[in-house]
Amino acid sequence: MEGLVWETAEELDMKLAERVRNIRKRRSISQQKLATMSNVSYGSIKRFETKGQISLINLTKISMALGIADELRNAFTQVPYRNIEEVINERK
């Protein structure tokens, strides 16, 4: 049985946006300054922080500007196998 999902994709996106916003604020970086640092438009950063909407390339640029690219780089690297079939399929 697959794991139950208790949140929507939009809710998950907003949690990610909130985490990034908190890191930005913790480092005393304004949205405008982050836009300059990351070469991502101010509007894109504002939309991400308020609606959770952003392209993957812009999320990567923001992560690099905030010095947290390793967090993104390591996403999905520790995903456990759900069954032996997945182990076999990965080795094909």
Protein backbone atom coordinates (compact mmCIF):
# COMPACT_ATOMS: atom_id res chain seq x y z
CA MET A 1 0.00 0.00 0.00
CA GLU A 2 1.32 3.41 -0.96
CA GLY A 3 1.90 5.96 1.78
CA LEU A 4 -0.99 8.31 2.38
CA VAL A 5 -0.56 11.91 1.27
CA TRP A 6 -2.03 14.39 3.72
CA GLU A 7 -1.12 17.57 1.86
CA THR A 8 -1.59 18.92 -1.62
CA ALA A 9 1.20 19.80 -4.02
CA GLU A 10 0.40 23.46 -3.41
CA GLU A 11 0.74 23.01 0.36
CA LEU A 12 4.08 21.28 -0.07
CA ASP A 13 5.27 24.09 -2.37
CA MET A 14 4.24 26.67 0.23
CA LYS A 15 6.17 24.85 2.97
CA LEU A 16 9.28 24.92 0.78
CA ALA A 17 8.76 28.61 0.01
CA GLU A 18 8.34 29.35 3.73
CA ARG A 19 11.60 27.58 4.54
CA VAL A 20 13.48 29.53 1.88
CA ARG A 21 11.88 32.81 3.02
CA ASN A 22 12.89 32.09 6.63
CA ILE A 23 16.50 31.47 5.55
CA ARG A 24 16.47 34.72 3.56
CA LYS A 25 15.13 36.67 6.53
CA ARG A 26 17.51 34.98 8.98
CA ARG A 27 20.37 36.25 6.83
CA SER A 28 18.86 39.77 6.69
CA ILE A 29 18.49 39.70 2.91
CA SER A 30 15.60 41.60 1.35
CA GLN A 31 13.65 40.18 -1.56
CA GLN A 32 15.15 42.89 -3.78
CA LYS A 33 18.69 42.07 -2.66
CA LEU A 34 18.06 38.35 -3.27
CA ALA A 35 16.80 39.20 -6.74
CA THR A 36 20.09 40.94 -7.48
CA MET A 37 22.19 38.20 -5.89
CA SER A 38 20.41 35.38 -7.73
CA ASN A 39 19.60 37.08 -11.04
CA VAL A 40 15.95 36.09 -10.47
CA SER A 41 13.36 38.82 -10.87
CA TYR A 42 11.90 40.45 -7.77
CA GLY A 43 8.43 39.46 -9.00
CA SER A 44 9.44 35.80 -9.23
CA ILE A 45 10.82 35.84 -5.70
CA LYS A 46 7.71 37.58 -4.36
CA ARG A 47 5.43 35.10 -6.16
CA PHE A 48 7.45 32.17 -4.79
CA GLU A 49 7.27 33.43 -1.23
CA THR A 50 3.55 34.24 -1.37
CA LYS A 51 2.18 31.52 -3.66
CA GLY A 52 4.89 28.84 -3.73
CA GLN A 53 5.22 29.11 -7.51
CA ILE A 54 8.68 29.10 -9.08
CA SER A 55 10.58 27.40 -11.87
CA LEU A 56 13.19 24.82 -10.96
CA ILE A 57 15.98 26.91 -12.52
CA ASN A 58 14.99 29.94 -10.43
CA LEU A 59 14.78 27.84 -7.27
CA THR A 60 18.29 26.60 -8.05
CA LYS A 61 19.56 30.17 -8.55
CA ILE A 62 18.00 31.29 -5.27
CA SER A 63 19.47 28.29 -3.45
CA MET A 64 22.91 29.08 -4.82
CA ALA A 65 22.63 32.76 -3.85
CA LEU A 66 21.62 31.81 -0.30
CA GLY A 67 24.42 29.24 -0.03
CA ILE A 68 22.02 26.32 0.36
CA ALA A 69 22.53 24.62 -3.00
CA ASP A 70 23.69 21.45 -1.22
CA GLU A 71 20.18 21.05 0.18
CA LEU A 72 18.79 21.03 -3.34
CA ARG A 73 21.64 18.92 -4.70
CA ASN A 74 20.95 16.28 -2.07
CA ALA A 75 17.20 16.11 -2.69
CA PHE A 76 16.02 12.55 -3.34
CA THR A 77 19.45 11.02 -2.64
CA GLN A 78 18.31 9.08 0.43
CA VAL A 79 15.04 7.64 -0.88
CA PRO A 80 14.64 4.14 0.56
CA TYR A 81 13.61 1.22 -1.59
CA ARG A 82 9.97 0.24 -1.14
CA ASN A 83 10.48 -3.36 -2.22
CA ILE A 84 13.00 -5.76 -3.78
CA GLU A 85 11.61 -5.08 -7.25
CA GLU A 86 12.84 -1.49 -7.03
CA VAL A 87 16.33 -2.73 -6.17
CA ILE A 88 16.31 -5.03 -9.19
CA ASN A 89 14.90 -2.36 -11.50
CA GLU A 90 17.55 0.16 -10.49
CA ARG A 91 20.32 -2.21 -11.49
CA LYS A 92 18.91 -2.81 -15.00
